[in-house]
Protein backbone atom coordinates (compact mmCIF):
# COMPACT_ATOMS: atom_id res chain seq x y z
CA MET A 1 75.60 -76.13 -50.19
CA ASN A 2 79.01 -76.78 -51.71
CA PRO A 3 79.69 -80.56 -51.65
CA VAL A 4 83.37 -79.97 -50.82
CA LEU A 5 82.41 -78.06 -47.69
CA VAL A 6 79.99 -80.83 -46.71
CA ARG A 7 82.66 -83.54 -47.14
CA SER A 8 85.25 -81.51 -45.24
CA ALA A 9 82.88 -80.87 -42.34
CA ALA A 10 81.92 -84.55 -42.28
CA LEU A 11 85.58 -85.62 -42.10
CA LEU A 12 86.25 -83.19 -39.24
CA ALA A 13 83.27 -84.61 -37.34
CA VAL A 14 84.04 -88.29 -37.98
CA VAL A 15 87.38 -88.38 -36.11
CA PRO A 16 86.11 -87.04 -32.72
CA LEU A 17 83.06 -89.33 -32.94
CA ALA A 18 85.18 -92.38 -33.82
CA GLY A 19 87.63 -91.56 -31.03
CA THR A 20 84.87 -91.17 -28.47
CA ALA A 21 83.28 -94.48 -29.48
CA GLY A 22 86.66 -96.18 -29.39
CA TYR A 23 87.53 -95.09 -25.84
CA VAL A 24 84.07 -95.98 -24.56
CA TRP A 25 84.45 -99.47 -26.01
CA ILE A 26 88.14 -100.07 -25.17
CA GLU A 27 88.48 -98.29 -21.78
CA GLY A 28 84.90 -98.40 -20.64
CA TRP A 29 84.84 -94.65 -20.05
CA ASP A 30 81.70 -92.57 -20.02
CA PRO A 31 81.05 -90.63 -23.31
CA TRP A 32 82.06 -87.26 -21.94
CA ARG A 33 85.47 -88.42 -20.67
CA ALA A 34 86.03 -90.28 -23.94
CA LEU A 35 85.19 -87.19 -26.01
CA PHE A 36 87.30 -84.95 -23.82
CA PHE A 37 90.34 -87.21 -24.08
CA THR A 38 89.85 -87.47 -27.88
CA LEU A 39 89.87 -83.69 -28.20
CA ILE A 40 92.98 -83.15 -26.07
CA THR A 41 94.68 -85.85 -28.08
CA LEU A 42 93.78 -84.29 -31.45
CA THR A 43 94.79 -80.82 -30.30
CA THR A 44 98.03 -82.17 -28.82
CA VAL A 45 97.30 -80.45 -25.51
CA GLY A 46 98.00 -83.61 -23.38
CA TYR A 47 96.84 -83.21 -19.78
CA GLY A 48 98.97 -86.12 -18.47
CA ASP A 49 98.62 -89.83 -17.93
CA GLU A 50 95.04 -90.99 -18.08
CA GLY A 51 95.92 -94.59 -17.10
CA LEU A 52 95.38 -96.07 -20.53
CA SER A 53 95.60 -99.76 -21.15
CA PRO A 54 98.01 -101.03 -23.81
CA ALA A 55 95.09 -101.32 -26.27
CA GLY A 56 94.05 -97.80 -25.39
CA GLU A 57 97.51 -96.49 -26.04
CA ARG A 58 97.62 -98.14 -29.44
CA PHE A 59 94.22 -96.69 -30.28
CA THR A 60 95.40 -93.27 -29.11
CA ALA A 61 98.31 -93.47 -31.51
CA LEU A 62 95.87 -94.21 -34.35
CA VAL A 63 93.70 -91.29 -33.29
CA MET A 64 96.65 -88.90 -33.32
CA ILE A 65 97.94 -90.01 -36.73
CA GLY A 66 94.51 -90.29 -38.37
CA GLY A 67 93.23 -87.10 -36.74
CA ILE A 68 96.12 -84.92 -37.82
CA GLY A 69 96.01 -86.34 -41.37
CA THR A 70 92.25 -85.94 -41.68
CA ALA A 71 92.26 -82.43 -40.23
CA SER A 72 95.06 -81.35 -42.56
CA PHE A 73 93.25 -82.75 -45.61
CA ALA A 74 89.90 -81.21 -44.63
CA LEU A 75 91.41 -77.81 -43.93
CA GLY A 76 93.31 -77.96 -47.26
CA GLN A 77 90.04 -78.64 -49.07
CA LEU A 78 88.40 -75.69 -47.32
CA VAL A 79 91.23 -73.35 -48.29
CA HIS A 80 91.21 -74.61 -51.88
CA THR A 81 87.44 -74.05 -52.10
CA ALA A 82 87.69 -70.57 -50.68
CA VAL A 83 90.39 -69.62 -53.23
CA ALA A 84 88.41 -71.14 -56.10
CA GLN A 85 85.33 -69.23 -55.09
CA THR A 86 87.35 -66.01 -55.09
CA LEU A 87 88.74 -66.67 -58.56
CA ARG A 88 85.51 -67.96 -60.08
CA PRO A 89 84.10 -64.53 -61.04
CA GLU A 90 87.30 -63.72 -62.95
CA ARG A 91 87.20 -67.02 -64.78
CA ARG A 92 83.55 -66.45 -65.68
CA ILE A 93 84.40 -63.01 -67.04
CA MET A 94 87.27 -64.49 -69.13
CA HIS A 95 84.96 -67.19 -70.50
CA LYS A 96 82.38 -64.60 -71.53
CA ALA A 97 85.03 -62.39 -73.18
CA ARG A 98 86.47 -65.31 -75.19
CA ALA A 99 83.00 -66.19 -76.51
CA LEU A 100 82.32 -62.74 -78.02
CA ARG A 101 82.42 -62.08 -81.76
CA ASP A 102 82.37 -58.74 -83.68
CA HIS A 103 82.55 -56.90 -80.39
CA HIS A 104 84.53 -53.86 -79.32
CA ILE A 105 87.48 -53.55 -76.91
CA ILE A 106 88.03 -50.46 -74.78
CA CYS A 107 91.51 -50.11 -73.23
CA GLY A 108 91.21 -47.57 -70.44
CA PHE A 109 88.16 -46.68 -68.37
CA GLY A 110 88.93 -43.04 -67.62
CA ARG A 111 86.58 -40.18 -68.53
CA MET A 112 86.80 -40.87 -72.24
CA GLY A 113 86.57 -44.63 -71.79
CA ARG A 114 83.47 -44.29 -69.62
CA TYR A 115 81.76 -42.10 -72.23
CA VAL A 116 82.63 -44.52 -75.03
CA ALA A 117 81.36 -47.46 -72.95
CA ARG A 118 78.10 -45.65 -72.25
CA ARG A 119 77.60 -44.92 -75.97
CA LEU A 120 78.29 -48.54 -76.92
CA HIS A 121 75.89 -49.72 -74.22
CA GLU A 122 73.19 -47.39 -75.51
CA ALA A 123 73.77 -48.75 -78.99
CA GLY A 124 73.24 -52.30 -77.70
CA THR A 125 76.61 -53.58 -78.87
CA HIS A 126 78.89 -56.01 -76.99
CA PHE A 127 82.20 -54.72 -75.66
CA VAL A 128 85.02 -55.62 -73.28
CA ILE A 129 86.91 -53.17 -71.10
CA ILE A 130 90.56 -53.62 -70.14
CA GLU A 131 91.64 -51.52 -67.18
CA ARG A 132 94.59 -51.82 -64.76
CA ASP A 133 93.23 -49.58 -62.00
CA GLU A 134 91.37 -51.86 -59.56
CA HIS A 135 89.08 -49.03 -58.41
CA LEU A 136 88.00 -48.30 -62.00
CA VAL A 137 87.59 -52.04 -62.56
CA GLU A 138 85.22 -52.26 -59.57
CA ARG A 139 83.33 -49.21 -60.82
CA ALA A 140 82.83 -50.69 -64.24
CA ARG A 141 81.77 -54.07 -62.89
CA ALA A 142 79.35 -52.39 -60.53
CA GLY A 143 77.72 -50.99 -63.69
CA GLY A 144 77.29 -54.51 -65.10
CA MET A 145 80.11 -54.16 -67.66
CA LEU A 146 82.47 -56.93 -68.81
CA VAL A 147 85.92 -55.91 -67.50
CA LEU A 148 89.32 -57.58 -67.54
CA GLU A 149 91.86 -56.27 -65.05
CA GLY A 150 95.33 -55.72 -66.43
CA ASP A 151 97.44 -53.96 -69.02
CA GLY A 152 95.85 -53.47 -72.48
CA SER A 153 99.22 -54.13 -74.19
CA ASP A 154 99.46 -57.63 -72.64
CA ASP A 155 99.15 -60.12 -75.47
CA GLU A 156 97.56 -62.75 -73.25
CA LEU A 157 94.92 -60.34 -71.99
CA LEU A 158 94.19 -59.17 -75.54
CA GLU A 159 93.79 -62.76 -76.59
CA ILE A 160 91.34 -63.35 -73.72
CA ALA A 161 89.42 -60.19 -74.78
CA GLY A 162 88.99 -61.77 -78.23
CA VAL A 163 91.10 -59.25 -80.21
CA GLU A 164 91.28 -61.62 -83.18
CA HIS A 165 87.49 -61.72 -83.43
CA ALA A 166 86.76 -58.10 -82.46
CA ALA A 167 85.33 -55.40 -84.75
CA SER A 168 87.41 -52.62 -83.24
CA LEU A 169 89.70 -51.59 -80.40
CA ALA A 170 90.10 -48.19 -78.71
CA ALA A 171 93.28 -47.31 -76.84
CA LEU A 172 92.07 -44.57 -74.53
CA THR A 173 94.59 -44.44 -71.67
CA PRO A 174 95.99 -40.97 -70.75
CA SER A 175 99.51 -42.07 -71.82
CA ASP A 176 100.57 -41.76 -75.46
CA ALA A 177 103.30 -44.38 -74.95
CA THR A 178 100.88 -46.87 -73.47
CA ASN A 179 98.36 -46.28 -76.28
CA ALA A 180 101.08 -46.78 -78.87
CA LEU A 181 102.09 -50.06 -77.23
CA ILE A 182 98.46 -51.21 -77.12
CA ALA A 183 97.99 -50.36 -80.78
CA LEU A 184 101.21 -52.13 -81.73
CA SER A 185 100.28 -55.29 -79.82
CA ALA A 186 96.71 -55.38 -81.15
CA HIS A 187 97.82 -54.72 -84.74
CA ALA A 188 100.36 -57.53 -84.55
CA MET A 189 97.71 -59.98 -83.35
CA ALA A 190 94.90 -58.81 -85.65
CA PRO A 191 96.26 -56.86 -88.67
CA ASP A 192 92.73 -56.13 -90.05
CA LEU A 193 91.38 -54.82 -86.75
CA MET A 194 90.04 -51.24 -86.68
CA ILE A 195 92.15 -49.47 -84.03
CA VAL A 196 91.29 -46.04 -82.64
CA ALA A 197 93.87 -44.40 -80.39
CA ARG A 198 93.85 -41.36 -78.15
CA ALA A 199 96.66 -38.82 -78.55
CA GLU A 200 97.51 -36.32 -75.85
CA SER A 201 100.09 -34.50 -77.94
CA ASP A 202 100.38 -33.59 -81.61
CA GLU A 203 103.80 -35.36 -81.78
CA ALA A 204 102.14 -38.64 -80.84
CA VAL A 205 99.73 -38.71 -83.79
CA PRO A 206 102.20 -40.04 -86.44
CA LYS A 207 103.69 -42.48 -83.93
CA LEU A 208 100.26 -43.92 -83.13
CA ARG A 209 99.52 -44.29 -86.85
CA ARG A 210 102.79 -46.12 -87.37
CA ALA A 211 101.92 -48.34 -84.44
CA GLY A 212 98.79 -49.52 -86.30
CA ALA A 213 96.04 -47.09 -85.36
CA GLN A 214 93.78 -46.23 -88.30
CA ARG A 215 92.12 -43.41 -86.39
CA VAL A 216 93.84 -41.08 -83.92
CA ILE A 217 91.69 -38.88 -81.72
CA SER A 218 93.07 -35.85 -79.92
CA PRO A 219 90.59 -34.73 -77.16
CA THR A 220 92.04 -31.21 -77.24
CA CYS A 221 91.80 -30.82 -81.01
CA HIS A 222 88.35 -32.38 -81.22
CA GLY A 223 87.10 -30.29 -78.36
CA ALA A 224 88.50 -27.14 -79.94
CA GLU A 225 86.94 -28.13 -83.27
CA GLY A 226 83.54 -28.43 -81.56
CA VAL A 227 83.92 -24.98 -80.04
CA ALA A 228 84.95 -23.50 -83.38
CA GLN A 229 81.89 -25.12 -85.04
CA ASP A 230 79.62 -23.63 -82.41
CA MET A 231 81.16 -20.20 -83.10
CA LEU A 232 81.29 -20.38 -86.88
CA ARG A 233 78.26 -22.57 -87.72
CA PRO A 234 75.91 -22.44 -84.73
CA GLU A 235 72.86 -23.65 -86.66
CA VAL A 236 74.72 -26.73 -87.85
CA SER A 237 75.76 -27.47 -84.28
CA ARG A 238 72.16 -27.06 -83.11
CA LEU A 239 71.00 -29.60 -85.69
CA LEU A 240 73.69 -32.15 -84.76
CA MET A 241 73.09 -31.74 -81.03
CA GLY A 242 69.29 -31.89 -81.27
CA GLU A 243 68.76 -28.30 -80.16
CA HIS A 244 66.25 -27.63 -82.98
CA ASP A 245 62.48 -27.95 -82.95
CA GLY A 246 61.67 -31.55 -82.10
CA GLY A 247 64.75 -32.04 -79.96
CA ASP A 248 66.20 -35.10 -81.69
CA LYS A 249 69.84 -35.29 -82.77
CA LEU A 250 70.79 -35.93 -86.33
CA THR A 251 72.27 -39.48 -86.11
CA PHE A 252 74.68 -41.05 -88.54
CA SER A 253 74.93 -44.79 -88.98
CA GLN A 254 76.36 -47.39 -91.35
CA ILE A 255 75.11 -50.72 -92.73
CA ARG A 256 77.49 -53.28 -94.09
CA VAL A 257 76.04 -55.48 -96.89
CA CYS A 258 76.79 -59.09 -96.03
CA PRO A 259 76.14 -62.19 -98.19
CA ARG A 260 72.65 -62.80 -96.80
CA SER A 261 71.66 -59.19 -96.31
CA PRO A 262 68.16 -58.19 -97.48
CA LEU A 263 69.83 -55.11 -99.02
CA LEU A 264 72.01 -57.18 -101.34
CA GLY A 265 71.15 -56.34 -104.96
CA LYS A 266 68.76 -53.53 -104.08
CA THR A 267 69.06 -50.01 -105.41
CA LEU A 268 69.04 -46.94 -103.20
CA ALA A 269 65.75 -45.92 -104.78
CA ALA A 270 64.15 -49.21 -103.55
CA ILE A 271 65.63 -48.86 -100.07
CA GLY A 272 64.53 -45.27 -99.91
CA ALA A 273 60.96 -46.29 -100.72
CA GLU A 274 61.04 -48.58 -97.65
CA HIS A 275 62.66 -45.98 -95.36
CA PRO A 276 61.70 -42.57 -96.75
CA SER A 277 62.93 -40.61 -93.72
CA VAL A 278 66.51 -41.90 -93.99
CA VAL A 279 69.03 -39.86 -95.95
CA PHE A 280 71.72 -41.67 -97.95
CA ILE A 281 75.03 -39.91 -97.35
CA ALA A 282 77.57 -42.16 -99.05
CA VAL A 283 78.45 -45.67 -100.16
CA ALA A 284 81.87 -47.18 -99.51
CA THR A 285 82.75 -49.78 -102.13
CA GLY A 286 83.62 -53.17 -100.72
CA GLN A 287 86.27 -55.65 -101.87
CA ARG A 288 84.91 -57.60 -104.87
CA ALA A 289 85.68 -61.06 -106.01
CA PRO A 290 87.81 -60.97 -109.20
CA ALA A 291 85.90 -61.34 -112.46
CA PRO A 292 86.64 -64.48 -114.55
CA ASN A 293 88.78 -62.54 -117.06
CA SER A 294 90.25 -60.22 -114.44
CA THR A 295 93.91 -60.35 -113.45
CA SER A 296 93.47 -58.48 -110.18
CA GLY A 297 90.87 -58.39 -107.48
CA SER A 298 91.80 -54.91 -106.27
CA THR A 299 89.17 -53.09 -108.33
CA SER A 300 85.41 -53.45 -108.75
CA ARG A 301 82.82 -52.56 -111.31
CA SER A 302 80.63 -49.61 -110.45
CA THR A 303 77.03 -50.61 -109.95
CA SER A 304 75.79 -47.66 -111.97
CA GLY A 305 78.20 -47.84 -114.90
CA SER A 306 80.96 -49.76 -116.61
CA THR A 307 83.88 -48.00 -114.93
CA THR A 308 85.87 -49.61 -112.22
CA GLU A 309 86.39 -48.39 -108.63
CA PRO A 310 89.07 -49.50 -106.17
CA ALA A 311 87.81 -51.22 -103.04
CA GLY A 312 87.21 -48.71 -100.27
CA THR A 313 86.15 -45.88 -102.60
CA LEU A 314 83.72 -43.59 -100.82
CA ARG A 315 80.99 -42.19 -103.11
CA VAL A 316 79.28 -39.19 -101.52
CA ARG A 317 75.69 -38.41 -102.57
CA PRO A 318 75.32 -41.74 -104.44
CA ASP A 319 72.90 -41.95 -107.37
CA SER A 320 69.50 -43.48 -106.56
CA SER A 321 70.20 -46.17 -109.18
CA THR A 322 73.26 -47.40 -107.26
CA GLU A 323 72.88 -51.08 -106.53
CA LEU A 324 74.37 -52.43 -103.31
CA ARG A 325 76.67 -55.37 -103.56
CA GLU A 326 78.37 -57.63 -101.07
CA GLY A 327 80.98 -55.77 -99.00
CA ASP A 328 79.55 -52.32 -99.59
CA VAL A 329 78.95 -50.04 -96.63
CA LEU A 330 75.95 -47.72 -96.79
CA ILE A 331 76.25 -44.55 -94.68
CA ILE A 332 72.90 -43.04 -93.65
CA ALA A 333 71.63 -40.16 -91.56
CA GLY A 334 68.40 -39.34 -89.80
CA GLU A 335 66.82 -38.70 -86.43
CA PRO A 336 67.11 -41.56 -83.91
CA GLY A 337 63.57 -42.69 -84.61
CA ASP A 338 64.30 -42.91 -88.33
CA ILE A 339 67.48 -44.90 -87.74
CA ALA A 340 65.60 -47.23 -85.36
CA ALA A 341 63.00 -47.84 -88.06
CA SER A 342 65.75 -49.21 -90.32
CA GLU A 343 67.05 -51.47 -87.53
CA PRO A 344 65.74 -54.76 -89.02
CA SER A 345 67.67 -54.14 -92.24
CA ARG A 346 70.74 -53.12 -90.30
CA ARG A 347 70.76 -56.24 -88.16
CA ALA A 348 70.28 -58.45 -91.18
CA ALA A 349 73.07 -56.69 -92.94
């Protein structure tokens, strides 16, 4: 039991008991009359003159003053405890959100936001949802998700969500203006953050990019593109959606090579020998440390030759002799089982 509640209940019980004992001792009354008079004194009802002695009157004054003060203090403690209990879940959620690192932030829990959240949950990644609609907030929390209630463009709320330590942020509200404001606020707080924004109109796309969104998604355009692919290249769509023999989707994934990654220094041929079912799609060149005689750190030496490549260069169908270096991103494809088989390397990377 809450100790504050115990102390408050004890204080409320002490005053009537002390008053009853006092009147029994001072006036010689029986316990019931003493208790009854104590209660009508504390509640300020006052049923008339009880024929108190001068000592009894002085004691009654103490009972009234002490009783009102004690009752006010105890009730204040009870109210404070009730409010604290109400706010505690929100504080716990904020504490969890602040502690996250390399997580994802979803602003908006509408249809698109719910689908993104489900996909991130299936991938086993950490994410925080920011939603202003209290009904959607309750729905997300009922699903065990970490949700902050409020406006995604609020700097304080973004700071609580850990925007400066996040891997990406998605602005998925149905309003282009709100998404632009979210992207602008997030970009100002974390310039290197990957920001994906939803655009309801074609006119909003350049505005969202100027606001800081690296990727802009139009549900209408992407949906229409999917329909066109189904019409023009149905077999490709079947493969990507897992409607071929075996029933597994073709899954794409990426592995970033970090300083202590087991992939660091390995060639694609060596990695392919460990995971023969995985297809290497591309390698994105990472930012390299400048060479001793170099005057700029904006380029990097190719791992398969002596030419230089700018950081961020995407090499499609990389040669099997390509050696992975720190900062590189390896893009792979395969069925879910094949991707799962490479999970240890991906976690280490």
